[in-house]
C-alpha atoms as a PDB file:
ATOM      1  CA  MET A   1     -24.616  38.660  -2.784  1.00  0.00           C
ATOM      2  CA  PHE A   2     -21.934  40.486  -3.333  1.00  0.00           C
ATOM      3  CA  SER A   3     -20.785  40.886   0.216  1.00  0.00           C
ATOM      4  CA  ILE A   4     -21.229  37.245   1.099  1.00  0.00           C
ATOM      5  CA  MET A   5     -18.830  36.467  -1.848  1.00  0.00           C
ATOM      6  CA  ALA A   6     -16.395  39.992  -0.398  1.00  0.00           C
ATOM      7  CA  MET A   7     -16.586  37.843   2.829  1.00  0.00           C
ATOM      8  CA  ASP A   8     -15.419  34.656   1.539  1.00  0.00           C
ATOM      9  CA  LYS A   9     -12.495  35.961  -0.418  1.00  0.00           C
ATOM     10  CA  THR A  10     -11.734  37.686   2.788  1.00  0.00           C
ATOM     11  CA  PHE A  11     -11.339  34.693   4.840  1.00  0.00           C
ATOM     12  CA  LEU A  12      -9.734  33.128   2.380  1.00  0.00           C
ATOM     13  CA  ILE A  13      -7.053  35.803   2.210  1.00  0.00           C
ATOM     14  CA  ALA A  14      -6.871  35.117   5.673  1.00  0.00           C
ATOM     15  CA  PHE A  15      -6.434  31.160   6.243  1.00  0.00           C
ATOM     16  CA  GLY A  16      -3.929  31.654   3.438  1.00  0.00           C
ATOM     17  CA  ILE A  17      -2.503  34.089   5.366  1.00  0.00           C
ATOM     18  CA  ILE A  18      -2.163  32.038   8.867  1.00  0.00           C
ATOM     19  CA  ILE A  19      -0.584  28.883   6.950  1.00  0.00           C
ATOM     20  CA  GLY A  20       2.253  31.070   5.787  1.00  0.00           C
ATOM     21  CA  ILE A  21       2.953  32.402   9.053  1.00  0.00           C
ATOM     22  CA  TYR A  22       2.626  28.537  10.125  1.00  0.00           C
ATOM     23  CA  ILE A  23       4.736  27.293   7.603  1.00  0.00           C
ATOM     24  CA  LEU A  24       7.611  30.528   8.139  1.00  0.00           C
ATOM     25  CA  TYR A  25       7.298  29.336  11.663  1.00  0.00           C
ATOM     26  CA  LYS A  26       7.795  25.539  11.081  1.00  0.00           C
ATOM     27  CA  LEU A  27      11.279  25.954   8.469  1.00  0.00           C
ATOM     28  CA  LEU A  28      13.240  28.837  10.287  1.00  0.00           C
ATOM     29  CA  PHE A  29      11.947  27.641  14.023  1.00  0.00           C
ATOM     30  CA  GLY A  30      11.702  23.872  13.866  1.00  0.00           C
ATOM     31  CA  LYS A  31      13.995  21.794  15.550  1.00  0.00           C
ATOM     32  CA  SER A  32      16.836  20.550  13.006  1.00  0.00           C
ATOM     33  CA  GLN A  33      18.507  17.382  12.540  1.00  0.00           C
ATOM     34  CA  LEU A  34      21.659  19.043  14.491  1.00  0.00           C
ATOM     35  CA  ASP A  35      20.285  20.012  17.864  1.00  0.00           C
ATOM     36  CA  GLU A  36      18.370  16.292  18.300  1.00  0.00           C
ATOM     37  CA  GLU A  37      22.247  15.117  17.861  1.00  0.00           C
ATOM     38  CA  PHE A  38      23.444  17.390  20.137  1.00  0.00           C
ATOM     39  CA  GLU A  39      20.049  16.215  22.825  1.00  0.00           C
ATOM     40  CA  HIS A  40      20.863  12.501  22.465  1.00  0.00           C
ATOM     41  CA  LYS A  41      24.520  13.189  23.170  1.00  0.00           C
ATOM     42  CA  TYR A  42      23.872  15.596  26.004  1.00  0.00           C
ATOM     43  CA  ASN A  43      21.337  13.174  27.027  1.00  0.00           C
ATOM     44  CA  LYS A  44      23.470  10.478  26.913  1.00  0.00           C
ATOM     45  CA  ILE A  45      26.488  12.226  28.638  1.00  0.00           C
ATOM     46  CA  LEU A  46      24.289  13.422  31.419  1.00  0.00           C
ATOM     47  CA  THR A  47      22.970   9.604  32.033  1.00  0.00           C
ATOM     48  CA  SER A  48      25.730   7.643  31.603  1.00  0.00           C
ATOM     49  CA  ASP A  49      28.083   5.457  33.323  1.00  0.00           C
ATOM     50  CA  GLU A  50      31.248   6.865  32.324  1.00  0.00           C
ATOM     51  CA  TYR A  51      31.135  10.149  32.508  1.00  0.00           C
ATOM     52  CA  LYS A  52      29.926  10.270  36.790  1.00  0.00           C
ATOM     53  CA  VAL A  53      32.354  12.020  39.133  1.00  0.00           C
ATOM     54  CA  LYS A  54      33.431  10.760  42.193  1.00  0.00           C
ATOM     55  CA  GLY A  55      30.546  11.630  44.694  1.00  0.00           C
ATOM     56  CA  GLN A  56      28.129  12.698  41.935  1.00  0.00           C
ATOM     57  CA  TYR A  57      24.334  11.966  43.107  1.00  0.00           C
ATOM     58  CA  ASP A  58      22.171   9.826  41.124  1.00  0.00           C
ATOM     59  CA  LYS A  59      19.326  11.382  39.300  1.00  0.00           C
END
């Protein structure tokens, strides 16, 4: 009986640590609003006719 309770407690602690690491990862390495704005502007410049250079290949 005691070993089952200890195993459950260990499992809950390990599960909590895994969830904590996941949340920390999302906070530190998640995409920010600035990254999304930069990516949107970058893609607009790459695909826009306004910024094409003479002789540039179509993508």
